[in-house]
C-alpha atoms as a PDB file:
ATOM      1  CA  MET A   1     -32.628 -11.985  77.294  1.00  0.00           C
ATOM      2  CA  LEU A   2     -31.908 -10.917  73.716  1.00  0.00           C
ATOM      3  CA  SER A   3     -34.326 -11.747  70.977  1.00  0.00           C
ATOM      4  CA  LYS A   4     -33.136 -13.738  67.981  1.00  0.00           C
ATOM      5  CA  GLN A   5     -33.388 -10.568  65.860  1.00  0.00           C
ATOM      6  CA  SER A   6     -31.215  -8.613  68.292  1.00  0.00           C
ATOM      7  CA  LEU A   7     -28.682 -11.445  68.459  1.00  0.00           C
ATOM      8  CA  ARG A   8     -28.602 -11.618  64.674  1.00  0.00           C
ATOM      9  CA  ASP A   9     -28.163  -7.871  64.361  1.00  0.00           C
ATOM     10  CA  ILE A  10     -25.296  -7.906  66.859  1.00  0.00           C
ATOM     11  CA  LEU A  11     -23.547 -10.759  65.028  1.00  0.00           C
ATOM     12  CA  LEU A  12     -23.977  -9.065  61.723  1.00  0.00           C
ATOM     13  CA  PHE A  13     -22.539  -5.865  63.121  1.00  0.00           C
ATOM     14  CA  CYS A  14     -19.518  -7.827  64.396  1.00  0.00           C
ATOM     15  CA  LEU A  15     -19.069  -9.320  60.956  1.00  0.00           C
ATOM     16  CA  VAL A  16     -19.374  -5.919  59.225  1.00  0.00           C
ATOM     17  CA  LEU A  17     -16.832  -4.557  61.737  1.00  0.00           C
ATOM     18  CA  ALA A  18     -14.381  -7.348  61.155  1.00  0.00           C
ATOM     19  CA  VAL A  19     -14.567  -6.919  57.375  1.00  0.00           C
ATOM     20  CA  SER A  20     -14.260  -3.118  57.582  1.00  0.00           C
ATOM     21  CA  LEU A  21     -11.269  -3.376  59.907  1.00  0.00           C
ATOM     22  CA  GLY A  22      -9.743  -5.926  57.527  1.00  0.00           C
ATOM     23  CA  VAL A  23     -10.133  -3.425  54.718  1.00  0.00           C
ATOM     24  CA  PHE A  24      -8.586  -0.754  56.938  1.00  0.00           C
ATOM     25  CA  TYR A  25      -5.437  -2.821  57.588  1.00  0.00           C
ATOM     26  CA  LEU A  26      -5.244  -3.737  53.870  1.00  0.00           C
ATOM     27  CA  LEU A  27      -5.488  -0.169  52.836  1.00  0.00           C
ATOM     28  CA  ASP A  28      -2.906   0.997  55.366  1.00  0.00           C
ATOM     29  CA  GLY A  29      -0.483  -1.505  53.969  1.00  0.00           C
ATOM     30  CA  LEU A  30      -1.073  -0.111  50.505  1.00  0.00           C
ATOM     31  CA  LEU A  31      -1.565   3.608  51.209  1.00  0.00           C
ATOM     32  CA  ALA A  32       0.238   4.508  54.504  1.00  0.00           C
ATOM     33  CA  LEU A  33      -2.816   6.298  55.763  1.00  0.00           C
ATOM     34  CA  GLU A  34      -0.918   8.035  58.621  1.00  0.00           C
ATOM     35  CA  LYS A  35       1.335  10.043  56.337  1.00  0.00           C
ATOM     36  CA  PRO A  36      -0.900  13.167  55.996  1.00  0.00           C
ATOM     37  CA  VAL A  37      -1.321  13.333  59.825  1.00  0.00           C
ATOM     38  CA  VAL A  38       2.441  12.815  60.287  1.00  0.00           C
ATOM     39  CA  TYR A  39       3.178  15.500  57.806  1.00  0.00           C
ATOM     40  CA  LEU A  40       0.736  18.002  59.513  1.00  0.00           C
ATOM     41  CA  PHE A  41       2.124  17.295  63.032  1.00  0.00           C
ATOM     42  CA  ASN A  42       5.708  17.439  61.671  1.00  0.00           C
ATOM     43  CA  MET A  43       4.903  20.864  60.209  1.00  0.00           C
ATOM     44  CA  LEU A  44       3.530  21.978  63.569  1.00  0.00           C
ATOM     45  CA  GLY A  45       6.666  20.819  65.278  1.00  0.00           C
ATOM     46  CA  PHE A  46       5.242  18.050  67.373  1.00  0.00           C
ATOM     47  CA  VAL A  47       6.907  14.990  65.700  1.00  0.00           C
ATOM     48  CA  ASN A  48       9.819  14.248  63.368  1.00  0.00           C
ATOM     49  CA  VAL A  49       9.412  13.166  59.756  1.00  0.00           C
ATOM     50  CA  ASN A  50       8.928   9.576  60.993  1.00  0.00           C
ATOM     51  CA  GLY A  51       6.028  10.484  63.210  1.00  0.00           C
ATOM     52  CA  THR A  52       7.896  10.113  66.517  1.00  0.00           C
ATOM     53  CA  SER A  53       8.424  12.402  69.445  1.00  0.00           C
ATOM     54  CA  LEU A  54       9.780  12.017  72.913  1.00  0.00           C
ATOM     55  CA  VAL A  55       7.057  13.036  75.296  1.00  0.00           C
ATOM     56  CA  ASP A  56       7.442  12.780  79.058  1.00  0.00           C
ATOM     57  CA  ASN A  57      10.256  10.240  78.653  1.00  0.00           C
ATOM     58  CA  THR A  58       7.958   8.180  76.405  1.00  0.00           C
ATOM     59  CA  ILE A  59       8.347   7.686  72.683  1.00  0.00           C
ATOM     60  CA  VAL A  60       5.098   8.739  71.004  1.00  0.00           C
ATOM     61  CA  LEU A  61       4.519   7.428  67.509  1.00  0.00           C
ATOM     62  CA  ILE A  62       1.765   8.571  65.138  1.00  0.00           C
ATOM     63  CA  ASN A  63       1.053   5.347  63.266  1.00  0.00           C
ATOM     64  CA  TYR A  64      -1.824   4.098  61.093  1.00  0.00           C
ATOM     65  CA  GLU A  65      -4.121   3.671  64.153  1.00  0.00           C
ATOM     66  CA  CYS A  66      -3.664   7.407  64.856  1.00  0.00           C
ATOM     67  CA  SER A  67      -4.565   8.410  61.301  1.00  0.00           C
ATOM     68  CA  GLY A  68      -8.279   8.791  62.051  1.00  0.00           C
ATOM     69  CA  PHE A  69      -9.186   6.026  59.664  1.00  0.00           C
ATOM     70  CA  PHE A  70      -9.517   3.419  62.434  1.00  0.00           C
ATOM     71  CA  SER A  71     -12.383   5.505  63.887  1.00  0.00           C
ATOM     72  CA  ILE A  72     -13.852   6.023  60.463  1.00  0.00           C
ATOM     73  CA  PHE A  73     -13.944   2.275  59.802  1.00  0.00           C
ATOM     74  CA  VAL A  74     -15.602   1.578  63.109  1.00  0.00           C
ATOM     75  CA  TYR A  75     -18.241   4.275  62.203  1.00  0.00           C
ATOM     76  CA  LEU A  76     -18.668   2.617  58.795  1.00  0.00           C
ATOM     77  CA  ALA A  77     -19.471  -0.725  60.563  1.00  0.00           C
ATOM     78  CA  LEU A  78     -22.056   1.063  62.686  1.00  0.00           C
ATOM     79  CA  ILE A  79     -23.710   2.916  59.750  1.00  0.00           C
ATOM     80  CA  PHE A  80     -23.750  -0.121  57.372  1.00  0.00           C
ATOM     81  CA  SER A  81     -24.756  -2.749  59.921  1.00  0.00           C
ATOM     82  CA  PRO A  82     -28.336  -3.846  60.569  1.00  0.00           C
ATOM     83  CA  ILE A  83     -28.202  -1.908  63.860  1.00  0.00           C
ATOM     84  CA  SER A  84     -28.734   1.230  61.663  1.00  0.00           C
ATOM     85  CA  LYS A  85     -32.232   1.241  60.164  1.00  0.00           C
ATOM     86  CA  LEU A  86     -31.292   3.639  57.418  1.00  0.00           C
ATOM     87  CA  GLY A  87     -31.920   3.428  53.672  1.00  0.00           C
ATOM     88  CA  LEU A  88     -28.922   3.051  51.400  1.00  0.00           C
ATOM     89  CA  ARG A  89     -28.743   6.721  50.367  1.00  0.00           C
ATOM     90  CA  ARG A  90     -28.925   7.927  53.967  1.00  0.00           C
ATOM     91  CA  ARG A  91     -26.176   5.414  54.909  1.00  0.00           C
ATOM     92  CA  PHE A  92     -23.808   6.832  52.282  1.00  0.00           C
ATOM     93  CA  ILE A  93     -24.569  10.488  53.173  1.00  0.00           C
ATOM     94  CA  SER A  94     -24.226   9.660  56.883  1.00  0.00           C
ATOM     95  CA  PHE A  95     -20.963   7.830  56.305  1.00  0.00           C
ATOM     96  CA  PHE A  96     -19.295  10.606  54.199  1.00  0.00           C
ATOM     97  CA  VAL A  97     -20.382  13.490  56.408  1.00  0.00           C
ATOM     98  CA  GLY A  98     -19.403  11.479  59.513  1.00  0.00           C
ATOM     99  CA  ALA A  99     -16.064  10.428  58.042  1.00  0.00           C
ATOM    100  CA  ILE A 100     -15.094  14.105  57.479  1.00  0.00           C
ATOM    101  CA  ILE A 101     -16.176  15.030  61.078  1.00  0.00           C
ATOM    102  CA  LEU A 102     -14.180  12.060  62.509  1.00  0.00           C
ATOM    103  CA  TYR A 103     -11.056  12.900  60.516  1.00  0.00           C
ATOM    104  CA  LEU A 104     -11.086  16.491  61.771  1.00  0.00           C
ATOM    105  CA  ALA A 105     -11.978  15.361  65.307  1.00  0.00           C
ATOM    106  CA  ASN A 106      -8.950  13.059  65.194  1.00  0.00           C
ATOM    107  CA  ILE A 107      -6.644  15.994  64.273  1.00  0.00           C
ATOM    108  CA  LEU A 108      -8.137  17.826  67.283  1.00  0.00           C
ATOM    109  CA  ARG A 109      -7.583  14.733  69.474  1.00  0.00           C
ATOM    110  CA  LEU A 110      -3.955  14.581  68.592  1.00  0.00           C
ATOM    111  CA  LEU A 111      -3.527  18.431  68.971  1.00  0.00           C
ATOM    112  CA  LEU A 112      -5.021  18.151  72.469  1.00  0.00           C
ATOM    113  CA  LEU A 113      -2.678  15.237  73.276  1.00  0.00           C
ATOM    114  CA  PHE A 114       0.435  17.195  72.364  1.00  0.00           C
ATOM    115  CA  ARG A 115      -0.745  20.430  73.936  1.00  0.00           C
ATOM    116  CA  LEU A 116      -2.121  19.145  77.249  1.00  0.00           C
ATOM    117  CA  TRP A 117       0.154  16.252  78.065  1.00  0.00           C
ATOM    118  CA  PRO A 118       2.371  18.534  80.301  1.00  0.00           C
ATOM    119  CA  VAL A 119      -0.677  19.263  82.473  1.00  0.00           C
ATOM    120  CA  PHE A 120      -2.435  15.889  82.571  1.00  0.00           C
ATOM    121  CA  GLY A 121       0.245  13.353  81.487  1.00  0.00           C
ATOM    122  CA  ILE A 122       0.657  11.478  78.198  1.00  0.00           C
ATOM    123  CA  GLU A 123      -1.190   8.333  79.319  1.00  0.00           C
ATOM    124  CA  PHE A 124      -4.270  10.213  80.529  1.00  0.00           C
ATOM    125  CA  MET A 125      -4.454  12.290  77.334  1.00  0.00           C
ATOM    126  CA  HIS A 126      -4.098   9.162  75.193  1.00  0.00           C
ATOM    127  CA  ILE A 127      -6.984   7.407  77.016  1.00  0.00           C
ATOM    128  CA  PHE A 128      -9.095  10.603  77.154  1.00  0.00           C
ATOM    129  CA  GLY A 129      -8.586  10.991  73.415  1.00  0.00           C
ATOM    130  CA  TRP A 130      -9.960   7.596  72.655  1.00  0.00           C
ATOM    131  CA  PHE A 131     -12.916   7.983  74.886  1.00  0.00           C
ATOM    132  CA  LEU A 132     -13.595  11.322  73.076  1.00  0.00           C
ATOM    133  CA  MET A 133     -13.384   9.635  69.660  1.00  0.00           C
ATOM    134  CA  SER A 134     -15.665   6.801  70.901  1.00  0.00           C
ATOM    135  CA  ALA A 135     -18.257   9.315  72.112  1.00  0.00           C
ATOM    136  CA  ILE A 136     -18.152  11.180  68.738  1.00  0.00           C
ATOM    137  CA  ILE A 137     -18.440   7.943  66.811  1.00  0.00           C
ATOM    138  CA  PHE A 138     -21.564   6.910  68.727  1.00  0.00           C
ATOM    139  CA  GLY A 139     -22.883  10.497  68.792  1.00  0.00           C
ATOM    140  CA  LEU A 140     -22.650  10.727  65.003  1.00  0.00           C
ATOM    141  CA  TRP A 141     -24.301   7.293  64.584  1.00  0.00           C
ATOM    142  CA  TYR A 142     -27.147   8.287  66.920  1.00  0.00           C
ATOM    143  CA  TRP A 143     -27.585  11.655  65.216  1.00  0.00           C
ATOM    144  CA  PHE A 144     -27.776  10.269  61.818  1.00  0.00           C
ATOM    145  CA  SER A 145     -29.695   7.132  62.693  1.00  0.00           C
ATOM    146  CA  TYR A 146     -32.305   8.712  64.923  1.00  0.00           C
ATOM    147  CA  LYS A 147     -32.271  12.525  64.906  1.00  0.00           C
ATOM    148  CA  GLN A 148     -31.233  13.801  61.473  1.00  0.00           C
ATOM    149  CA  GLN A 149     -33.787  13.801  58.725  1.00  0.00           C
ATOM    150  CA  PHE A 150     -32.577  14.214  55.106  1.00  0.00           C
ATOM    151  CA  SER A 151     -34.819  15.747  52.537  1.00  0.00           C
ATOM    152  CA  HIS A 152     -35.856  13.252  49.862  1.00  0.00           C
END
């Protein structure tokens, strides 16, 4: 059975996650967060200027959820929730370093999807990519919360 403190921490994490995802959707509406990723993958020849491609008789669309920012906002919720027992300075450092890593990992995820779909299939690569991103999110959170010590 969960203690009252654990239950409170979980509920606060859910609240922080809901707020951060709300900010994510608001920012996407204002900034079109997927545009740099679409531009990169258009330059690499994987998608057209609208971010779409026909892959294995399936239309693939790079949209705001593929921008990397969705993962970054989930990570933000982990770092800034009571589950993380970090000081404010460490939270900000952990967030900014983790956000850069997650953005680059998302580019790698999409690159793997477009390069390996002929071997493994588009559906498998899409699911594998999200498992990979989830592992990186929790790995970063664990590393910064429990393993990494910043100098004061």
